N, C-alpha and C. Protein backbone atom coordinates (compact mmCIF):
# COMPACT_ATOMS: atom_id res chain seq x y z
N MET A 1 186.23 178.81 139.30
CA MET A 1 184.76 179.30 139.14
C MET A 1 183.99 178.57 140.21
N PHE A 2 183.11 179.22 140.89
CA PHE A 2 182.38 178.71 142.00
C PHE A 2 181.33 178.07 141.50
N THR A 3 180.83 176.73 141.99
CA THR A 3 179.62 176.15 141.75
C THR A 3 178.81 176.15 143.03
N PRO A 4 177.56 175.83 143.01
CA PRO A 4 177.04 175.35 144.15
C PRO A 4 177.44 174.10 144.82
N ALA A 5 178.03 173.17 144.19
CA ALA A 5 178.48 171.87 144.88
C ALA A 5 179.79 172.20 145.49
N ASP A 6 180.39 173.46 145.29
CA ASP A 6 181.67 173.88 146.21
C ASP A 6 181.36 173.98 147.52
N ASN A 7 180.03 174.13 148.03
CA ASN A 7 179.60 174.04 149.44
C ASN A 7 179.48 172.83 149.96
N TYR A 8 179.35 171.76 149.16
CA TYR A 8 179.13 170.40 149.83
C TYR A 8 180.31 169.56 149.52
N PRO A 9 181.29 169.62 150.61
CA PRO A 9 182.44 168.64 150.33
C PRO A 9 182.12 167.15 150.25
N ALA A 10 180.96 166.64 150.57
CA ALA A 10 180.76 165.17 150.44
C ALA A 10 180.44 165.01 148.79
N HIS A 11 180.24 165.88 148.02
CA HIS A 11 180.17 165.75 146.66
C HIS A 11 181.48 165.73 146.00
N GLN A 12 182.41 166.48 146.64
CA GLN A 12 183.85 166.66 145.99
C GLN A 12 184.65 165.41 146.24
N PRO A 13 185.16 164.66 145.28
CA PRO A 13 185.91 163.41 145.61
C PRO A 13 187.26 163.59 145.92
N SER A 14 187.53 163.38 146.99
CA SER A 14 189.01 163.50 147.55
C SER A 14 189.70 162.27 147.19
N GLU A 15 190.91 162.22 147.35
CA GLU A 15 191.67 160.95 147.04
C GLU A 15 191.45 159.79 147.95
N LEU A 16 191.07 160.00 149.19
CA LEU A 16 190.50 158.86 150.19
C LEU A 16 189.23 158.39 149.68
N ASN A 17 188.35 159.39 149.35
CA ASN A 17 186.97 159.11 148.93
C ASN A 17 186.90 158.38 147.56
N GLN A 18 188.00 158.60 146.61
CA GLN A 18 188.20 157.70 145.43
C GLN A 18 188.57 156.45 145.74
N LEU A 19 189.61 156.58 146.72
CA LEU A 19 190.15 155.20 146.97
C LEU A 19 189.14 154.27 147.47
N LEU A 20 188.26 154.84 148.45
CA LEU A 20 187.19 153.93 149.24
C LEU A 20 186.17 153.61 148.26
N GLU A 21 185.91 154.41 147.22
CA GLU A 21 184.92 154.02 146.14
C GLU A 21 185.47 152.96 145.12
N HIS A 22 186.80 152.90 144.83
CA HIS A 22 187.21 152.01 144.10
C HIS A 22 187.18 150.63 144.89
N ALA A 23 187.56 150.65 146.13
CA ALA A 23 187.48 149.38 147.12
C ALA A 23 186.01 148.75 146.99
N ALA A 24 184.96 149.74 147.47
CA ALA A 24 183.59 149.38 147.44
C ALA A 24 183.24 148.81 146.06
N GLU A 25 183.57 149.19 145.02
CA GLU A 25 183.36 148.75 143.68
C GLU A 25 183.92 147.37 143.52
N ALA A 26 185.01 147.19 143.91
CA ALA A 26 185.86 145.98 143.82
C ALA A 26 185.04 144.91 144.69
N LEU A 27 184.61 145.31 146.02
CA LEU A 27 183.82 144.38 146.73
C LEU A 27 182.60 143.90 145.86
N ALA A 28 181.84 144.97 145.45
CA ALA A 28 180.55 144.67 144.78
C ALA A 28 180.84 143.90 143.55
N GLN A 29 181.78 143.96 142.78
CA GLN A 29 181.98 143.00 141.88
C GLN A 29 182.43 141.74 142.29
N LYS A 30 183.02 141.62 143.29
CA LYS A 30 183.26 140.11 144.01
C LYS A 30 181.98 139.64 144.54
N TYR A 31 181.16 140.30 145.13
CA TYR A 31 179.96 139.56 145.73
C TYR A 31 179.04 139.30 144.57
N LYS A 32 179.02 140.15 143.39
CA LYS A 32 178.19 139.73 142.17
C LYS A 32 178.74 138.38 141.62
N ARG A 33 179.93 138.23 141.58
CA ARG A 33 180.49 137.00 141.05
C ARG A 33 180.17 135.68 142.02
N GLU A 34 180.17 136.04 143.37
CA GLU A 34 179.87 134.99 144.22
C GLU A 34 178.34 134.71 144.41
N GLY A 35 177.62 135.65 144.02
CA GLY A 35 176.14 135.56 144.06
C GLY A 35 175.39 136.57 144.77
N THR A 36 175.41 136.68 145.98
CA THR A 36 174.64 137.59 146.69
C THR A 36 175.08 138.36 147.95
N PHE A 37 174.19 139.34 148.27
CA PHE A 37 174.77 140.00 149.40
C PHE A 37 173.66 139.52 150.85
N THR A 38 173.94 138.19 150.86
CA THR A 38 173.18 137.45 152.05
C THR A 38 173.85 137.55 153.35
N SER A 39 175.13 137.63 153.23
CA SER A 39 176.09 137.65 154.66
C SER A 39 175.95 139.31 155.28
N PRO A 40 175.49 139.35 156.47
CA PRO A 40 175.55 140.62 156.88
C PRO A 40 176.95 141.34 157.05
N ASN A 41 178.03 140.33 157.16
CA ASN A 41 179.46 140.93 157.20
C ASN A 41 179.66 141.56 155.85
N ASN A 42 179.32 140.94 154.79
CA ASN A 42 179.58 141.41 153.46
C ASN A 42 179.02 142.77 153.18
N VAL A 43 177.75 142.72 153.67
CA VAL A 43 176.89 143.95 153.60
C VAL A 43 177.66 145.03 154.19
N MET A 44 177.97 144.94 155.57
CA MET A 44 178.60 146.03 156.29
C MET A 44 179.92 146.25 155.80
N GLU A 45 180.80 145.51 155.40
CA GLU A 45 182.01 145.56 154.79
C GLU A 45 181.93 146.58 153.60
N TYR A 46 180.89 146.42 152.87
CA TYR A 46 180.61 147.07 151.66
C TYR A 46 180.15 148.43 152.04
N LEU A 47 179.14 148.44 152.86
CA LEU A 47 178.55 149.93 153.44
C LEU A 47 179.54 150.78 154.01
N LYS A 48 180.50 150.11 154.75
CA LYS A 48 181.71 151.02 155.48
C LYS A 48 182.43 151.65 154.40
N LEU A 49 182.82 150.85 153.44
CA LEU A 49 183.38 151.56 152.26
C LEU A 49 182.92 152.49 151.64
N LYS A 50 181.62 152.39 151.32
CA LYS A 50 180.72 153.35 150.54
C LYS A 50 180.50 154.67 151.42
N LEU A 51 179.95 154.45 152.71
CA LEU A 51 179.66 155.65 153.51
C LEU A 51 180.52 156.24 154.35
N GLY A 52 181.49 155.36 154.74
CA GLY A 52 182.38 155.65 156.01
C GLY A 52 183.01 157.13 156.11
N ALA A 53 183.40 157.68 154.67
CA ALA A 53 184.11 158.91 154.74
C ALA A 53 183.33 160.12 154.68
N TYR A 54 182.01 160.03 154.64
CA TYR A 54 181.34 161.25 154.45
C TYR A 54 181.36 162.04 155.75
N ASP A 55 181.39 163.26 155.72
CA ASP A 55 181.33 164.24 156.82
C ASP A 55 180.03 164.71 157.15
N ARG A 56 178.99 164.29 156.56
CA ARG A 56 177.57 164.54 156.78
C ARG A 56 176.82 163.34 156.74
N GLU A 57 175.57 163.44 157.25
CA GLU A 57 174.87 162.11 157.02
C GLU A 57 174.28 162.03 155.73
N VAL A 58 174.36 160.74 155.18
CA VAL A 58 174.04 160.23 153.82
C VAL A 58 173.13 159.12 154.08
N PHE A 59 171.84 159.05 153.19
CA PHE A 59 171.02 157.98 153.38
C PHE A 59 171.16 157.19 151.97
N ALA A 60 171.33 155.90 152.05
CA ALA A 60 171.52 155.07 150.72
C ALA A 60 170.58 153.86 150.71
N LEU A 61 170.52 153.45 149.44
CA LEU A 61 169.77 152.09 149.40
C LEU A 61 170.67 151.29 148.53
N MET A 62 170.52 149.95 148.96
CA MET A 62 171.17 148.98 148.19
C MET A 62 169.80 148.38 147.54
N LEU A 63 169.73 148.33 146.27
CA LEU A 63 168.70 147.88 145.60
C LEU A 63 168.93 146.39 145.03
N LEU A 64 168.11 145.37 145.44
CA LEU A 64 168.61 143.76 145.24
C LEU A 64 167.46 143.22 144.32
N ASP A 65 167.91 142.17 143.69
CA ASP A 65 166.86 141.46 142.90
C ASP A 65 166.36 140.33 143.97
N ASN A 66 165.60 139.20 143.32
CA ASN A 66 164.97 138.19 144.03
C ASN A 66 166.10 137.29 144.76
N GLN A 67 167.24 137.36 144.08
CA GLN A 67 168.25 136.36 144.64
C GLN A 67 169.37 137.16 145.62
N HIS A 68 168.96 138.57 145.84
CA HIS A 68 169.69 139.42 146.72
C HIS A 68 171.05 139.66 146.00
N ARG A 69 170.93 139.77 144.73
CA ARG A 69 172.28 140.42 144.11
C ARG A 69 171.91 141.82 143.88
N LEU A 70 173.22 142.62 144.02
CA LEU A 70 173.00 144.07 143.86
C LEU A 70 172.74 144.56 142.58
N ILE A 71 171.63 145.21 142.24
CA ILE A 71 171.04 146.05 141.04
C ILE A 71 171.73 147.28 141.06
N GLN A 72 171.58 148.17 142.10
CA GLN A 72 172.22 149.26 142.17
C GLN A 72 172.24 149.84 143.45
N PHE A 73 173.24 150.51 143.78
CA PHE A 73 173.67 151.27 145.09
C PHE A 73 173.36 152.80 144.95
N ASP A 74 172.27 153.32 145.56
CA ASP A 74 171.89 154.78 145.15
C ASP A 74 172.03 155.60 146.59
N ILE A 75 172.72 156.60 146.65
CA ILE A 75 172.58 157.63 147.62
C ILE A 75 171.29 158.51 147.35
N LEU A 76 170.46 158.51 148.05
CA LEU A 76 169.27 159.21 147.99
C LEU A 76 169.20 160.52 148.56
N PHE A 77 169.64 160.79 149.74
CA PHE A 77 169.56 161.70 150.67
C PHE A 77 170.95 162.48 151.36
N PHE A 78 171.29 163.71 151.16
CA PHE A 78 172.29 164.14 151.88
C PHE A 78 171.72 165.09 153.00
N GLY A 79 172.37 165.05 154.27
CA GLY A 79 171.70 165.76 155.23
C GLY A 79 172.93 166.87 155.90
N THR A 80 172.82 166.96 157.35
CA THR A 80 173.94 167.74 157.76
C THR A 80 174.70 166.60 158.74
N ILE A 81 175.39 167.42 159.59
CA ILE A 81 176.41 166.61 160.46
C ILE A 81 175.56 165.66 161.18
N ASP A 82 174.26 165.89 161.53
CA ASP A 82 173.81 164.86 162.37
C ASP A 82 172.17 164.52 161.96
N ALA A 83 171.80 164.74 160.90
CA ALA A 83 170.51 164.35 160.41
C ALA A 83 170.41 164.41 158.91
N ALA A 84 169.42 163.89 158.50
CA ALA A 84 169.12 163.92 157.19
C ALA A 84 167.65 163.53 157.03
N SER A 85 166.98 164.29 156.02
CA SER A 85 165.48 164.14 155.90
C SER A 85 165.25 163.13 154.87
N ILE A 86 164.33 162.09 155.02
CA ILE A 86 164.19 160.98 154.45
C ILE A 86 162.85 160.94 153.93
N TYR A 87 162.44 160.78 152.61
CA TYR A 87 161.10 160.84 152.05
C TYR A 87 160.55 159.56 151.49
N PRO A 88 159.68 158.69 152.11
CA PRO A 88 159.25 157.44 151.63
C PRO A 88 158.81 157.31 150.24
N ARG A 89 158.24 158.25 149.54
CA ARG A 89 157.82 158.35 148.37
C ARG A 89 159.01 158.35 147.32
N GLU A 90 160.20 159.04 147.85
CA GLU A 90 161.38 158.85 146.80
C GLU A 90 161.97 157.50 147.07
N VAL A 91 162.01 156.94 148.15
CA VAL A 91 162.67 155.49 148.42
C VAL A 91 161.89 154.69 147.61
N ALA A 92 160.40 154.70 147.67
CA ALA A 92 159.64 153.79 146.82
C ALA A 92 159.73 153.81 145.27
N LYS A 93 160.12 155.13 145.15
CA LYS A 93 160.23 155.46 143.68
C LYS A 93 161.34 154.77 143.16
N ALA A 94 162.59 154.85 143.86
CA ALA A 94 163.78 154.41 143.40
C ALA A 94 163.65 152.84 143.45
N ALA A 95 163.02 152.27 144.40
CA ALA A 95 162.80 150.59 144.20
C ALA A 95 162.12 150.24 143.11
N LEU A 96 161.12 151.18 142.88
CA LEU A 96 160.24 150.55 141.57
C LEU A 96 160.90 151.02 140.23
N SER A 97 161.82 152.01 140.17
CA SER A 97 162.42 152.49 138.91
C SER A 97 163.45 151.32 138.46
N HIS A 98 164.18 150.86 139.57
CA HIS A 98 165.21 149.82 139.56
C HIS A 98 164.75 148.23 139.50
N ASN A 99 163.14 148.21 139.55
CA ASN A 99 162.43 146.89 139.72
C ASN A 99 163.25 146.06 140.77
N ALA A 100 163.44 146.55 142.03
CA ALA A 100 163.96 145.77 143.05
C ALA A 100 163.02 144.98 143.69
N ALA A 101 163.30 143.69 144.26
CA ALA A 101 162.61 142.85 145.01
C ALA A 101 162.87 143.12 146.40
N ALA A 102 163.91 143.60 146.67
CA ALA A 102 164.32 143.91 148.03
C ALA A 102 165.34 144.97 148.19
N VAL A 103 165.50 145.52 149.48
CA VAL A 103 166.37 146.76 149.61
C VAL A 103 167.06 146.55 151.06
N ILE A 104 168.11 147.17 151.16
CA ILE A 104 168.81 147.48 152.40
C ILE A 104 168.95 148.76 152.57
N PHE A 105 168.60 149.52 153.72
CA PHE A 105 168.63 150.83 153.84
C PHE A 105 170.18 150.92 154.71
N ALA A 106 170.70 151.97 154.29
CA ALA A 106 171.98 152.38 155.17
C ALA A 106 172.21 153.80 155.14
N HIS A 107 172.78 154.27 156.26
CA HIS A 107 173.19 155.62 156.39
C HIS A 107 174.19 155.77 157.44
N ASN A 108 174.98 156.91 157.34
CA ASN A 108 176.22 156.73 158.20
C ASN A 108 175.86 157.78 159.37
N HIS A 109 176.70 157.84 160.38
CA HIS A 109 176.78 158.57 161.48
C HIS A 109 178.13 159.30 161.49
N PRO A 110 178.37 160.61 160.99
CA PRO A 110 179.63 161.02 161.00
C PRO A 110 180.34 161.27 162.30
N SER A 111 179.60 161.19 163.16
CA SER A 111 180.34 161.17 164.72
C SER A 111 180.98 159.88 164.94
N GLY A 112 180.89 158.77 164.18
CA GLY A 112 181.42 157.60 164.50
C GLY A 112 180.66 156.68 165.29
N ILE A 113 179.82 157.28 166.13
CA ILE A 113 178.84 156.30 167.10
C ILE A 113 177.69 155.94 166.13
N ALA A 114 177.75 154.42 165.86
CA ALA A 114 176.63 153.84 164.97
C ALA A 114 175.33 153.61 165.69
N GLU A 115 175.36 153.83 167.02
CA GLU A 115 174.13 153.57 167.69
C GLU A 115 172.91 154.26 167.10
N PRO A 116 171.92 153.49 166.49
CA PRO A 116 170.74 154.01 166.00
C PRO A 116 169.80 154.80 166.91
N SER A 117 169.39 156.08 166.48
CA SER A 117 168.59 156.79 167.15
C SER A 117 167.17 156.31 167.17
N GLN A 118 166.07 156.99 168.18
CA GLN A 118 164.75 156.77 167.96
C GLN A 118 164.26 157.19 166.52
N ALA A 119 164.80 158.27 166.18
CA ALA A 119 164.36 158.89 164.93
C ALA A 119 164.71 157.81 163.69
N ASP A 120 165.90 157.31 163.72
CA ASP A 120 166.21 156.19 162.86
C ASP A 120 165.35 155.00 162.83
N ARG A 121 164.81 154.58 164.11
CA ARG A 121 163.95 153.45 164.04
C ARG A 121 162.54 153.80 163.58
N HIS A 122 162.16 155.00 163.87
CA HIS A 122 160.83 155.47 163.39
C HIS A 122 160.86 155.40 161.81
N ILE A 123 162.00 156.05 161.26
CA ILE A 123 161.84 156.19 159.72
C ILE A 123 162.02 154.86 159.22
N THR A 124 162.58 154.03 159.80
CA THR A 124 162.78 152.59 159.15
C THR A 124 161.34 152.08 159.20
N ASP A 125 160.70 152.01 160.45
CA ASP A 125 159.21 151.56 160.35
C ASP A 125 158.37 152.13 159.36
N LYS A 126 158.39 153.43 159.11
CA LYS A 126 157.70 154.08 158.26
C LYS A 126 158.06 153.61 156.81
N LEU A 127 159.37 153.41 156.52
CA LEU A 127 159.89 152.88 155.19
C LEU A 127 159.33 151.50 154.94
N ILE A 128 159.33 150.55 155.85
CA ILE A 128 159.02 149.08 155.86
C ILE A 128 157.48 149.07 155.44
N LYS A 129 156.68 149.88 156.06
CA LYS A 129 155.21 149.98 155.74
C LYS A 129 155.07 150.44 154.43
N ALA A 130 155.75 151.40 153.88
CA ALA A 130 155.63 152.16 152.67
C ALA A 130 155.94 151.04 151.50
N LEU A 131 157.08 150.44 151.66
CA LEU A 131 157.58 149.59 150.62
C LEU A 131 156.92 148.12 150.67
N GLY A 132 156.44 147.92 151.78
CA GLY A 132 155.29 146.63 151.84
C GLY A 132 154.30 146.65 150.97
N LEU A 133 153.85 147.99 150.94
CA LEU A 133 152.49 148.25 149.90
C LEU A 133 152.90 147.93 148.44
N ILE A 134 154.21 147.84 147.95
CA ILE A 134 154.45 147.59 146.69
C ILE A 134 155.14 146.41 146.71
N ASP A 135 155.19 145.57 147.74
CA ASP A 135 155.93 144.26 147.63
C ASP A 135 157.29 144.26 147.43
N VAL A 136 157.92 145.21 148.25
CA VAL A 136 159.43 145.20 148.15
C VAL A 136 159.78 144.85 149.72
N ARG A 137 160.61 143.84 149.80
CA ARG A 137 161.09 143.40 151.02
C ARG A 137 162.16 144.23 151.56
N VAL A 138 162.17 144.68 152.88
CA VAL A 138 163.36 145.33 153.54
C VAL A 138 163.99 144.10 154.40
N LEU A 139 165.25 144.02 153.85
CA LEU A 139 166.13 142.98 154.59
C LEU A 139 166.86 143.54 155.88
N ASP A 140 167.22 144.92 155.77
CA ASP A 140 168.05 145.38 156.94
C ASP A 140 168.16 147.03 156.87
N HIS A 141 168.48 147.48 157.88
CA HIS A 141 168.91 148.93 157.86
C HIS A 141 170.26 148.85 158.60
N VAL A 142 171.40 149.42 157.87
CA VAL A 142 172.57 149.29 158.49
C VAL A 142 173.09 150.94 158.75
N VAL A 143 173.44 151.20 160.08
CA VAL A 143 174.08 152.40 160.43
C VAL A 143 175.75 152.24 160.48
N VAL A 144 176.24 153.12 159.64
CA VAL A 144 177.79 153.08 159.58
C VAL A 144 178.41 154.05 160.46
N GLY A 145 179.34 153.75 161.39
CA GLY A 145 180.04 154.72 162.07
C GLY A 145 181.57 154.02 162.16
N GLU A 146 182.08 154.18 163.28
CA GLU A 146 183.44 153.42 163.30
C GLU A 146 183.22 151.77 163.08
N ASP A 147 182.05 151.48 163.77
CA ASP A 147 181.56 150.16 163.49
C ASP A 147 180.15 150.18 162.75
N CYS A 148 179.57 149.02 162.55
CA CYS A 148 178.31 149.13 162.01
C CYS A 148 177.23 148.62 162.86
N VAL A 149 175.93 149.01 162.75
CA VAL A 149 174.93 148.43 163.59
C VAL A 149 173.90 147.94 162.49
N SER A 150 173.54 146.69 162.70
CA SER A 150 172.53 146.03 161.77
C SER A 150 171.17 146.08 162.48
N PHE A 151 169.99 146.62 161.96
CA PHE A 151 168.77 146.47 162.64
C PHE A 151 168.14 145.14 162.71
N ALA A 152 168.37 144.40 161.46
CA ALA A 152 168.12 142.78 161.41
C ALA A 152 168.92 142.04 162.58
N GLU A 153 169.96 142.14 162.78
CA GLU A 153 170.73 141.54 163.77
C GLU A 153 170.28 141.77 165.22
N ARG A 154 169.57 142.95 165.30
CA ARG A 154 169.00 143.40 166.62
C ARG A 154 167.35 142.89 166.58
N GLY A 155 167.03 142.46 165.53
CA GLY A 155 165.52 141.95 165.51
C GLY A 155 164.64 143.14 165.37
N TRP A 156 165.07 144.22 164.80
CA TRP A 156 164.02 145.33 164.49
C TRP A 156 163.63 145.37 163.12
N ILE A 157 163.98 144.48 162.36
CA ILE A 157 163.22 144.30 160.98
C ILE A 157 162.36 142.99 160.94
N PRO A 158 161.14 143.06 160.83
CA PRO A 158 160.27 141.93 160.74
C PRO A 158 160.55 141.07 159.51
N VAL A 159 160.59 139.78 159.78
CA VAL A 159 160.82 138.60 158.97
C VAL A 159 159.59 138.41 158.19
N VAL A 160 159.54 138.52 156.99
CA VAL A 160 158.38 138.41 156.23
C VAL A 160 158.64 137.04 155.31
């Protein structure tokens, strides 16, 4: 039987995707026991497992409490092979609905080249301003490819 989801392989769990999802969940449980997602390496390792296998752009949020413990990982937007539309209203809604004190943005580049584009930087600035109005801190934006690029490590996320 044909369903609309059949057109979107990113929604179809392959064996590899299921394996990566289990590994990411194991890491999330480990980091929950250890405390927080304060290490950029821990965050990147987790995000690479969560987003690395998608064949189109996916934008996600790590929703964190005051101690930077993971409340929820949410994939908010699915795009095409080289772009995804991001809506600040939906990002703010997700942060508020989970009572998040802080967030980490993440998206993948299916090409494998994690270098952020000007559009990536522009939407990040827009999201930081929107979430600032509701007192939700943005800790980082990580682009996942063969490697990961952290906006915070590059000094592109304002320290509040």
